[in-house]
Amino acid sequence: MPELDAQQAAYLALGAGALALLALVIALVTAVRLRRARRALAALGSVEGEDVLDVLSRHAHEVVRLRQEVAATRGEAETARAELRDSLRHVAVVRYDAFGDMGGRLSFSAALLDESGDGLVLTSINGRSETRTYAKGVKGGRSEQTLSPEEEQAIGYARRGTDGRGADSRGLDQPYDGAAR
């Protein structure tokens, strides 16, 4: 093997140094990228010793479980909506004086209806010596029995969601005499 002169040895050493410097830069860039990848993996919820495929597999299973829970919740919400449609939630009360010689609007008609207008109307007529109470079934906002004007008003107000004064029909603590104000 021939011997290297000093100039060739210097070039060889310079080339080896440049190659070592390039290898050092590549190692630093790789270390930075590896650190970023580990941080990203940790942000995904990685635990010690878990690789990217393990994290993705766990997340895929979690997504499937969440989709099943959402589907179950949708079913429960639809059941609740159906039950709510059948609940007696439209209520209105019409208070009035049934007899001219009595005041205080102690007589009333109260309509209790569900979403489709089915339910009942209760009427209590108060006189000096007795009180009579009537209950009439309502289907689709109508009754098979003849309804008084106050009962018709109560049903109309309940279906519109008002108590006749433009107020929410749940404000039953305020008396109402049936006259528009």
N, C-alpha and C. Protein backbone atom coordinates (compact mmCIF):
# COMPACT_ATOMS: atom_id res chain seq x y z
N MET A 1 0.84 -1.15 0.00
CA MET A 1 0.00 0.00 0.00
C MET A 1 0.90 1.24 0.00
N PRO A 2 0.58 2.16 -0.89
CA PRO A 2 1.44 3.33 -0.97
C PRO A 2 1.20 4.28 0.20
N GLU A 3 2.21 4.99 0.55
CA GLU A 3 2.10 5.94 1.64
C GLU A 3 1.52 7.26 1.16
N LEU A 4 0.78 7.91 2.10
CA LEU A 4 0.16 9.19 1.79
C LEU A 4 1.11 10.31 2.14
N ASP A 5 1.16 11.29 1.31
CA ASP A 5 1.97 12.43 1.67
C ASP A 5 1.15 13.34 2.59
N ALA A 6 1.71 14.35 3.09
CA ALA A 6 1.09 15.23 4.08
C ALA A 6 -0.13 15.94 3.53
N GLN A 7 -0.08 16.33 2.30
CA GLN A 7 -1.21 17.05 1.71
C GLN A 7 -2.40 16.10 1.55
N GLN A 8 -2.14 14.90 1.09
CA GLN A 8 -3.22 13.93 0.94
C GLN A 8 -3.81 13.56 2.30
N ALA A 9 -2.96 13.42 3.31
CA ALA A 9 -3.42 13.10 4.65
C ALA A 9 -4.28 14.24 5.19
N ALA A 10 -3.90 15.49 4.88
CA ALA A 10 -4.68 16.64 5.34
C ALA A 10 -6.05 16.67 4.67
N TYR A 11 -6.08 16.37 3.35
CA TYR A 11 -7.36 16.33 2.64
C TYR A 11 -8.23 15.19 3.18
N LEU A 12 -7.61 14.07 3.43
CA LEU A 12 -8.35 12.92 3.96
C LEU A 12 -8.90 13.25 5.35
N ALA A 13 -8.09 13.89 6.18
CA ALA A 13 -8.54 14.26 7.52
C ALA A 13 -9.65 15.31 7.44
N LEU A 14 -9.49 16.26 6.53
CA LEU A 14 -10.52 17.29 6.33
C LEU A 14 -11.82 16.65 5.84
N GLY A 15 -11.75 15.72 4.92
CA GLY A 15 -12.93 15.02 4.42
C GLY A 15 -13.60 14.20 5.51
N ALA A 16 -12.78 13.52 6.33
CA ALA A 16 -13.32 12.72 7.44
C ALA A 16 -13.99 13.64 8.46
N GLY A 17 -13.39 14.79 8.72
CA GLY A 17 -13.97 15.76 9.65
C GLY A 17 -15.30 16.30 9.13
N ALA A 18 -15.34 16.60 7.81
CA ALA A 18 -16.59 17.10 7.21
C ALA A 18 -17.67 16.03 7.27
N LEU A 19 -17.25 14.78 7.00
CA LEU A 19 -18.20 13.67 7.07
C LEU A 19 -18.71 13.48 8.50
N ALA A 20 -17.83 13.62 9.47
CA ALA A 20 -18.22 13.51 10.88
C ALA A 20 -19.16 14.64 11.27
N LEU A 21 -18.87 15.85 10.78
CA LEU A 21 -19.73 17.00 11.06
C LEU A 21 -21.12 16.80 10.44
N LEU A 22 -21.15 16.28 9.22
CA LEU A 22 -22.43 15.99 8.56
C LEU A 22 -23.20 14.93 9.33
N ALA A 23 -22.49 13.90 9.80
CA ALA A 23 -23.14 12.85 10.60
C ALA A 23 -23.68 13.43 11.90
N LEU A 24 -22.96 14.36 12.52
CA LEU A 24 -23.42 15.01 13.75
C LEU A 24 -24.68 15.83 13.50
N VAL A 25 -24.72 16.59 12.40
CA VAL A 25 -25.90 17.39 12.06
C VAL A 25 -27.10 16.48 11.82
N ILE A 26 -26.88 15.40 11.07
CA ILE A 26 -27.98 14.45 10.81
C ILE A 26 -28.47 13.83 12.12
N ALA A 27 -27.55 13.50 13.02
CA ALA A 27 -27.93 12.93 14.33
C ALA A 27 -28.74 13.93 15.14
N LEU A 28 -28.34 15.21 15.12
CA LEU A 28 -29.09 16.24 15.87
C LEU A 28 -30.49 16.44 15.28
N VAL A 29 -30.59 16.52 13.97
CA VAL A 29 -31.90 16.67 13.32
C VAL A 29 -32.78 15.47 13.64
N THR A 30 -32.20 14.29 13.60
CA THR A 30 -32.97 13.08 13.91
C THR A 30 -33.42 13.08 15.38
N ALA A 31 -32.55 13.53 16.28
CA ALA A 31 -32.91 13.60 17.70
C ALA A 31 -34.07 14.57 17.93
N VAL A 32 -34.01 15.72 17.25
CA VAL A 32 -35.09 16.72 17.38
C VAL A 32 -36.40 16.14 16.85
N ARG A 33 -36.34 15.50 15.69
CA ARG A 33 -37.55 14.90 15.12
C ARG A 33 -38.09 13.79 16.01
N LEU A 34 -37.20 12.99 16.58
CA LEU A 34 -37.63 11.92 17.48
C LEU A 34 -38.30 12.49 18.72
N ARG A 35 -37.73 13.58 19.25
CA ARG A 35 -38.33 14.23 20.43
C ARG A 35 -39.73 14.75 20.09
N ARG A 36 -39.87 15.38 18.91
CA ARG A 36 -41.20 15.86 18.48
C ARG A 36 -42.18 14.70 18.31
N ALA A 37 -41.71 13.63 17.72
CA ALA A 37 -42.57 12.46 17.52
C ALA A 37 -43.00 11.87 18.85
N ARG A 38 -42.08 11.83 19.82
CA ARG A 38 -42.45 11.31 21.16
C ARG A 38 -43.46 12.23 21.85
N ARG A 39 -43.28 13.55 21.69
CA ARG A 39 -44.25 14.49 22.27
C ARG A 39 -45.62 14.31 21.63
N ALA A 40 -45.63 14.16 20.31
CA ALA A 40 -46.90 13.96 19.60
C ALA A 40 -47.55 12.66 20.04
N LEU A 41 -46.75 11.62 20.21
CA LEU A 41 -47.26 10.34 20.67
C LEU A 41 -47.80 10.46 22.10
N ALA A 42 -47.10 11.21 22.94
CA ALA A 42 -47.57 11.42 24.31
C ALA A 42 -48.86 12.22 24.30
N ALA A 43 -48.99 13.18 23.37
CA ALA A 43 -50.23 13.96 23.27
C ALA A 43 -51.40 13.08 22.87
N LEU A 44 -51.13 12.01 22.15
CA LEU A 44 -52.19 11.07 21.78
C LEU A 44 -52.58 10.15 22.93
N GLY A 45 -51.87 10.24 24.02
CA GLY A 45 -52.21 9.42 25.18
C GLY A 45 -51.38 8.16 25.26
N SER A 46 -50.21 8.19 24.72
CA SER A 46 -49.32 7.03 24.76
C SER A 46 -48.83 6.79 26.17
N VAL A 47 -48.72 5.52 26.52
CA VAL A 47 -48.12 5.15 27.79
C VAL A 47 -46.75 4.55 27.50
N GLU A 48 -45.93 4.38 28.52
CA GLU A 48 -44.56 3.89 28.35
C GLU A 48 -44.54 2.55 27.61
N GLY A 49 -43.72 2.46 26.61
CA GLY A 49 -43.54 1.22 25.87
C GLY A 49 -44.56 1.01 24.77
N GLU A 50 -45.43 1.97 24.53
CA GLU A 50 -46.47 1.83 23.52
C GLU A 50 -46.02 2.53 22.24
N ASP A 51 -46.21 1.86 21.11
CA ASP A 51 -45.82 2.49 19.86
C ASP A 51 -47.03 3.11 19.18
N VAL A 52 -46.82 3.71 18.03
CA VAL A 52 -47.87 4.44 17.32
C VAL A 52 -49.04 3.51 16.98
N LEU A 53 -48.75 2.32 16.54
CA LEU A 53 -49.83 1.39 16.18
C LEU A 53 -50.68 1.02 17.38
N ASP A 54 -50.06 0.85 18.54
CA ASP A 54 -50.82 0.55 19.76
C ASP A 54 -51.73 1.72 20.12
N VAL A 55 -51.21 2.94 20.04
CA VAL A 55 -52.00 4.13 20.34
C VAL A 55 -53.17 4.24 19.37
N LEU A 56 -52.91 4.08 18.08
CA LEU A 56 -53.97 4.18 17.08
C LEU A 56 -55.02 3.09 17.26
N SER A 57 -54.59 1.89 17.59
CA SER A 57 -55.53 0.79 17.83
C SER A 57 -56.42 1.10 19.03
N ARG A 58 -55.81 1.61 20.11
CA ARG A 58 -56.59 1.96 21.30
C ARG A 58 -57.60 3.06 20.97
N HIS A 59 -57.16 4.06 20.22
CA HIS A 59 -58.07 5.16 19.84
C HIS A 59 -59.19 4.66 18.93
N ALA A 60 -58.89 3.75 18.04
CA ALA A 60 -59.93 3.19 17.16
C ALA A 60 -60.99 2.47 17.98
N HIS A 61 -60.55 1.69 18.98
CA HIS A 61 -61.51 1.01 19.85
C HIS A 61 -62.35 2.01 20.64
N GLU A 62 -61.71 3.09 21.07
CA GLU A 62 -62.43 4.13 21.82
C GLU A 62 -63.47 4.81 20.93
N VAL A 63 -63.12 5.07 19.68
CA VAL A 63 -64.07 5.68 18.74
C VAL A 63 -65.26 4.76 18.53
N VAL A 64 -65.03 3.47 18.37
CA VAL A 64 -66.12 2.50 18.20
C VAL A 64 -67.03 2.52 19.43
N ARG A 65 -66.42 2.52 20.63
CA ARG A 65 -67.21 2.54 21.87
C ARG A 65 -68.04 3.83 21.97
N LEU A 66 -67.43 4.97 21.61
CA LEU A 66 -68.15 6.24 21.67
C LEU A 66 -69.30 6.27 20.66
N ARG A 67 -69.09 5.71 19.49
CA ARG A 67 -70.17 5.64 18.50
C ARG A 67 -71.34 4.80 19.02
N GLN A 68 -71.04 3.70 19.69
CA GLN A 68 -72.09 2.88 20.27
C GLN A 68 -72.84 3.64 21.35
N GLU A 69 -72.12 4.39 22.18
CA GLU A 69 -72.76 5.19 23.22
C GLU A 69 -73.63 6.28 22.62
N VAL A 70 -73.16 6.92 21.55
CA VAL A 70 -73.95 7.96 20.89
C VAL A 70 -75.22 7.36 20.30
N ALA A 71 -75.11 6.19 19.69
CA ALA A 71 -76.29 5.53 19.13
C ALA A 71 -77.28 5.19 20.24
N ALA A 72 -76.79 4.69 21.36
CA ALA A 72 -77.68 4.37 22.50
C ALA A 72 -78.32 5.64 23.04
N THR A 73 -77.56 6.72 23.13
CA THR A 73 -78.10 7.99 23.63
C THR A 73 -79.16 8.55 22.69
N ARG A 74 -78.91 8.40 21.38
CA ARG A 74 -79.92 8.85 20.41
C ARG A 74 -81.22 8.07 20.61
N GLY A 75 -81.11 6.77 20.82
CA GLY A 75 -82.30 5.95 21.05
C GLY A 75 -83.04 6.39 22.30
N GLU A 76 -82.30 6.65 23.37
CA GLU A 76 -82.92 7.11 24.61
C GLU A 76 -83.57 8.47 24.42
N ALA A 77 -82.93 9.36 23.68
CA ALA A 77 -83.51 10.69 23.43
C ALA A 77 -84.79 10.57 22.63
N GLU A 78 -84.82 9.69 21.64
CA GLU A 78 -86.03 9.51 20.85
C GLU A 78 -87.16 8.93 21.71
N THR A 79 -86.84 8.00 22.59
CA THR A 79 -87.84 7.46 23.51
C THR A 79 -88.37 8.57 24.41
N ALA A 80 -87.47 9.41 24.91
CA ALA A 80 -87.90 10.52 25.78
C ALA A 80 -88.78 11.50 25.00
N ARG A 81 -88.44 11.78 23.73
CA ARG A 81 -89.27 12.67 22.92
C ARG A 81 -90.67 12.08 22.73
N ALA A 82 -90.73 10.77 22.46
CA ALA A 82 -92.03 10.13 22.27
C ALA A 82 -92.86 10.19 23.55
N GLU A 83 -92.22 9.96 24.69
CA GLU A 83 -92.93 10.03 25.96
C GLU A 83 -93.38 11.46 26.25
N LEU A 84 -92.56 12.42 25.89
CA LEU A 84 -92.89 13.82 26.12
C LEU A 84 -94.10 14.25 25.28
N ARG A 85 -94.18 13.72 24.05
CA ARG A 85 -95.33 14.05 23.20
C ARG A 85 -96.63 13.59 23.85
N ASP A 86 -96.57 12.49 24.60
CA ASP A 86 -97.77 11.94 25.24
C ASP A 86 -98.05 12.52 26.61
N SER A 87 -97.16 13.36 27.13
CA SER A 87 -97.37 13.92 28.46
C SER A 87 -98.34 15.09 28.40
N LEU A 88 -99.07 15.29 29.49
CA LEU A 88 -100.00 16.41 29.58
C LEU A 88 -99.19 17.65 29.96
N ARG A 89 -98.76 18.39 28.95
CA ARG A 89 -97.89 19.52 29.22
C ARG A 89 -98.43 20.85 28.73
N HIS A 90 -99.54 20.83 28.02
CA HIS A 90 -100.17 22.07 27.59
C HIS A 90 -101.35 22.31 28.52
N VAL A 91 -101.21 23.30 29.37
CA VAL A 91 -102.19 23.56 30.42
C VAL A 91 -102.63 25.01 30.35
N ALA A 92 -103.94 25.22 30.51
CA ALA A 92 -104.46 26.59 30.60
C ALA A 92 -105.68 26.57 31.51
N VAL A 93 -105.86 27.65 32.22
CA VAL A 93 -106.99 27.79 33.15
C VAL A 93 -107.75 29.06 32.81
N VAL A 94 -109.07 28.93 32.75
CA VAL A 94 -109.95 30.09 32.57
C VAL A 94 -110.79 30.19 33.84
N ARG A 95 -110.67 31.31 34.55
CA ARG A 95 -111.44 31.54 35.78
C ARG A 95 -112.56 32.51 35.47
N TYR A 96 -113.70 32.29 36.10
CA TYR A 96 -114.85 33.14 35.81
C TYR A 96 -115.87 33.03 36.94
N ASP A 97 -116.85 33.93 36.89
CA ASP A 97 -118.00 33.88 37.81
C ASP A 97 -119.11 33.16 37.08
N ALA A 98 -119.49 31.99 37.57
CA ALA A 98 -120.53 31.20 36.91
C ALA A 98 -121.92 31.80 37.14
N PHE A 99 -122.09 32.48 38.25
CA PHE A 99 -123.40 33.06 38.58
C PHE A 99 -123.22 34.55 38.83
N GLY A 100 -124.18 35.32 38.37
CA GLY A 100 -124.09 36.77 38.46
C GLY A 100 -124.08 37.29 39.88
N ASP A 101 -124.66 36.56 40.84
CA ASP A 101 -124.75 37.06 42.20
C ASP A 101 -123.52 36.72 43.04
N MET A 102 -122.52 36.07 42.43
CA MET A 102 -121.31 35.69 43.18
C MET A 102 -120.09 36.31 42.48
N GLY A 103 -119.13 36.72 43.28
CA GLY A 103 -117.90 37.28 42.73
C GLY A 103 -116.71 36.41 43.12
N GLY A 104 -115.53 36.86 42.76
CA GLY A 104 -114.31 36.18 43.16
C GLY A 104 -113.77 35.19 42.15
N ARG A 105 -114.51 35.02 41.06
CA ARG A 105 -114.07 34.09 40.00
C ARG A 105 -113.62 32.75 40.58
N LEU A 106 -114.49 32.13 41.34
CA LEU A 106 -114.17 30.84 41.95
C LEU A 106 -114.44 29.66 41.03
N SER A 107 -115.16 29.88 39.96
CA SER A 107 -115.38 28.81 38.99
C SER A 107 -114.22 28.82 37.99
N PHE A 108 -113.90 27.65 37.46
CA PHE A 108 -112.81 27.59 36.49
C PHE A 108 -112.98 26.41 35.55
N SER A 109 -112.32 26.52 34.42
CA SER A 109 -112.17 25.42 33.47
C SER A 109 -110.67 25.30 33.20
N ALA A 110 -110.14 24.09 33.34
CA ALA A 110 -108.72 23.85 33.14
C ALA A 110 -108.54 22.77 32.07
N ALA A 111 -107.78 23.09 31.06
CA ALA A 111 -107.48 22.12 30.00
C ALA A 111 -106.07 21.59 30.22
N LEU A 112 -105.93 20.26 30.16
CA LEU A 112 -104.64 19.58 30.28
C LEU A 112 -104.49 18.70 29.05
N LEU A 113 -103.59 19.10 28.14
CA LEU A 113 -103.48 18.42 26.85
C LEU A 113 -102.05 17.99 26.56
N ASP A 114 -101.93 16.95 25.72
CA ASP A 114 -100.61 16.54 25.25
C ASP A 114 -100.32 17.22 23.92
N GLU A 115 -99.25 16.82 23.26
CA GLU A 115 -98.80 17.47 22.02
C GLU A 115 -99.85 17.41 20.91
N SER A 116 -100.61 16.32 20.84
CA SER A 116 -101.60 16.17 19.76
C SER A 116 -102.98 16.70 20.14
N GLY A 117 -103.11 17.35 21.29
CA GLY A 117 -104.39 17.93 21.69
C GLY A 117 -105.29 16.95 22.41
N ASP A 118 -104.74 15.83 22.86
CA ASP A 118 -105.51 14.84 23.62
C ASP A 118 -105.32 15.10 25.10
N GLY A 119 -106.37 14.86 25.88
CA GLY A 119 -106.27 15.04 27.33
C GLY A 119 -107.65 15.18 27.93
N LEU A 120 -107.79 16.19 28.79
CA LEU A 120 -109.08 16.41 29.44
C LEU A 120 -109.24 17.87 29.81
N VAL A 121 -110.49 18.22 30.03
CA VAL A 121 -110.80 19.55 30.53
C VAL A 121 -111.61 19.35 31.81
N LEU A 122 -111.17 20.00 32.88
CA LEU A 122 -111.85 19.95 34.17
C LEU A 122 -112.56 21.27 34.39
N THR A 123 -113.80 21.18 34.83
CA THR A 123 -114.56 22.39 35.11
C THR A 123 -115.14 22.27 36.50
N SER A 124 -114.99 23.34 37.27
CA SER A 124 -115.55 23.40 38.61
C SER A 124 -116.43 24.64 38.66
N ILE A 125 -117.72 24.43 38.90
CA ILE A 125 -118.67 25.54 38.99
C ILE A 125 -119.06 25.71 40.45
N ASN A 126 -118.70 26.86 40.99
CA ASN A 126 -118.94 27.14 42.40
C ASN A 126 -120.17 28.01 42.56
N GLY A 127 -121.09 27.53 43.38
CA GLY A 127 -122.28 28.30 43.74
C GLY A 127 -122.24 28.59 45.23
N ARG A 128 -123.31 29.22 45.72
CA ARG A 128 -123.35 29.56 47.14
C ARG A 128 -123.41 28.33 48.03
N SER A 129 -124.18 27.33 47.63
CA SER A 129 -124.37 26.19 48.52
C SER A 129 -123.71 24.91 48.02
N GLU A 130 -123.23 24.89 46.81
CA GLU A 130 -122.60 23.67 46.32
C GLU A 130 -121.59 23.98 45.21
N THR A 131 -120.72 23.01 44.99
CA THR A 131 -119.74 23.08 43.91
C THR A 131 -119.87 21.82 43.09
N ARG A 132 -119.93 21.99 41.79
CA ARG A 132 -120.01 20.84 40.89
C ARG A 132 -118.73 20.80 40.04
N THR A 133 -118.23 19.60 39.86
CA THR A 133 -117.01 19.42 39.08
C THR A 133 -117.29 18.45 37.96
N TYR A 134 -116.80 18.81 36.77
CA TYR A 134 -117.01 17.99 35.58
C TYR A 134 -115.65 17.72 34.93
N ALA A 135 -115.51 16.53 34.38
CA ALA A 135 -114.32 16.18 33.60
C ALA A 135 -114.79 15.67 32.25
N LYS A 136 -114.20 16.21 31.20
CA LYS A 136 -114.57 15.80 29.84
C LYS A 136 -113.31 15.44 29.08
N GLY A 137 -113.38 14.32 28.39
CA GLY A 137 -112.25 13.89 27.58
C GLY A 137 -112.10 14.75 26.34
N VAL A 138 -110.86 14.93 25.91
CA VAL A 138 -110.56 15.74 24.73
C VAL A 138 -109.66 14.91 23.81
N LYS A 139 -110.02 14.87 22.54
CA LYS A 139 -109.23 14.15 21.54
C LYS A 139 -109.02 15.09 20.36
N GLY A 140 -107.77 15.43 20.10
CA GLY A 140 -107.45 16.32 18.99
C GLY A 140 -108.05 17.71 19.17
N GLY A 141 -108.20 18.16 20.41
CA GLY A 141 -108.75 19.48 20.68
C GLY A 141 -110.27 19.53 20.71
N ARG A 142 -110.94 18.39 20.51
CA ARG A 142 -112.40 18.32 20.49
C ARG A 142 -112.87 17.31 21.54
N SER A 143 -114.13 17.47 21.95
CA SER A 143 -114.72 16.55 22.92
C SER A 143 -116.03 15.99 22.38
N GLU A 144 -116.34 14.76 22.77
CA GLU A 144 -117.62 14.17 22.37
C GLU A 144 -118.77 14.83 23.14
N GLN A 145 -118.48 15.33 24.34
CA GLN A 145 -119.49 16.05 25.12
C GLN A 145 -119.52 17.51 24.68
N THR A 146 -120.64 18.14 24.91
CA THR A 146 -120.77 19.55 24.59
C THR A 146 -119.90 20.35 25.55
N LEU A 147 -119.14 21.28 25.00
CA LEU A 147 -118.23 22.10 25.81
C LEU A 147 -118.81 23.48 26.01
N SER A 148 -118.60 24.02 27.20
CA SER A 148 -119.02 25.39 27.49
C SER A 148 -118.03 26.34 26.81
N PRO A 149 -118.42 27.61 26.67
CA PRO A 149 -117.48 28.58 26.07
C PRO A 149 -116.17 28.68 26.85
N GLU A 150 -116.23 28.58 28.18
CA GLU A 150 -115.02 28.65 29.00
C GLU A 150 -114.12 27.43 28.77
N GLU A 151 -114.75 26.27 28.60
CA GLU A 151 -113.98 25.06 28.32
C GLU A 151 -113.32 25.17 26.94
N GLU A 152 -114.05 25.69 25.96
CA GLU A 152 -113.48 25.91 24.63
C GLU A 152 -112.30 26.87 24.71
N GLN A 153 -112.46 27.95 25.51
CA GLN A 153 -111.37 28.91 25.69
C GLN A 153 -110.14 28.24 26.29
N ALA A 154 -110.36 27.46 27.34
CA ALA A 154 -109.24 26.81 28.02
C ALA A 154 -108.50 25.88 27.05
N ILE A 155 -109.24 25.13 26.25
CA ILE A 155 -108.60 24.24 25.27
C ILE A 155 -107.83 25.05 24.23
N GLY A 156 -108.44 26.13 23.75
CA GLY A 156 -107.75 26.98 22.77
C GLY A 156 -106.48 27.58 23.33
N TYR A 157 -106.53 28.08 24.54
CA TYR A 157 -105.35 28.67 25.16
C TYR A 157 -104.27 27.62 25.39
N ALA A 158 -104.67 26.44 25.82
CA ALA A 158 -103.69 25.36 26.05
C ALA A 158 -103.02 24.96 24.75
N ARG A 159 -103.76 24.89 23.68
CA ARG A 159 -103.18 24.48 22.39
C ARG A 159 -102.26 25.55 21.83
N ARG A 160 -102.54 26.82 22.12
CA ARG A 160 -101.67 27.90 21.66
C ARG A 160 -100.52 28.15 22.63
N GLY A 161 -100.61 27.60 23.83
CA GLY A 161 -99.56 27.79 24.82
C GLY A 161 -99.65 29.11 25.56
N THR A 162 -100.83 29.73 25.55
CA THR A 162 -101.01 30.98 26.28
C THR A 162 -102.20 30.85 27.20
N ASP A 163 -102.33 31.80 28.09
CA ASP A 163 -103.47 31.80 29.01
C ASP A 163 -104.51 32.85 28.63
N GLY A 164 -104.46 33.36 27.42
CA GLY A 164 -105.44 34.34 26.98
C GLY A 164 -104.96 35.76 27.10
N ARG A 165 -103.92 36.00 27.87
CA ARG A 165 -103.36 37.34 28.01
C ARG A 165 -102.05 37.44 27.28
N GLY A 166 -101.68 36.39 26.53
CA GLY A 166 -100.40 36.39 25.86
C GLY A 166 -99.29 35.85 26.75
N ALA A 167 -99.64 35.52 28.00
CA ALA A 167 -98.64 34.99 28.92
C ALA A 167 -98.53 33.49 28.76
N ASP A 168 -97.44 32.97 29.22
CA ASP A 168 -97.22 31.52 29.19
C ASP A 168 -98.32 30.85 30.00
N SER A 169 -98.90 29.78 29.47
CA SER A 169 -100.04 29.13 30.12
C SER A 169 -99.67 28.50 31.45
N ARG A 170 -98.37 28.39 31.77
CA ARG A 170 -98.01 27.81 33.06
C ARG A 170 -98.14 28.83 34.18
N GLY A 171 -98.42 30.08 33.86
CA GLY A 171 -98.57 31.10 34.89
C GLY A 171 -99.98 31.04 35.48
N LEU A 172 -100.30 29.93 36.13
CA LEU A 172 -101.66 29.68 36.59
C LEU A 172 -102.00 30.44 37.86
N ASP A 173 -101.03 31.08 38.49
CA ASP A 173 -101.32 31.78 39.74
C ASP A 173 -102.03 33.10 39.49
N GLN A 174 -102.09 33.56 38.26
CA GLN A 174 -102.77 34.81 37.94
C GLN A 174 -104.20 34.51 37.52
N PRO A 175 -105.19 35.16 38.14
CA PRO A 175 -106.58 34.89 37.74
C PRO A 175 -106.85 35.41 36.33
N TYR A 176 -107.77 34.77 35.65
CA TYR A 176 -108.15 35.18 34.32
C TYR A 176 -109.66 35.09 34.21
N ASP A 177 -110.30 36.13 33.73
CA ASP A 177 -111.76 36.17 33.67
C ASP A 177 -112.31 35.85 32.29
N GLY A 178 -111.47 35.52 31.34
CA GLY A 178 -111.96 35.16 30.02
C GLY A 178 -112.10 36.34 29.07
N ALA A 179 -112.02 37.57 29.57
CA ALA A 179 -112.16 38.74 28.70
C ALA A 179 -110.79 39.16 28.20
N ALA A 180 -110.74 39.59 26.95
CA ALA A 180 -109.47 40.04 26.40
C ALA A 180 -109.07 41.36 27.03
N ARG A 181 -107.80 41.54 27.30
CA ARG A 181 -107.32 42.77 27.94
C ARG A 181 -106.39 43.49 27.02
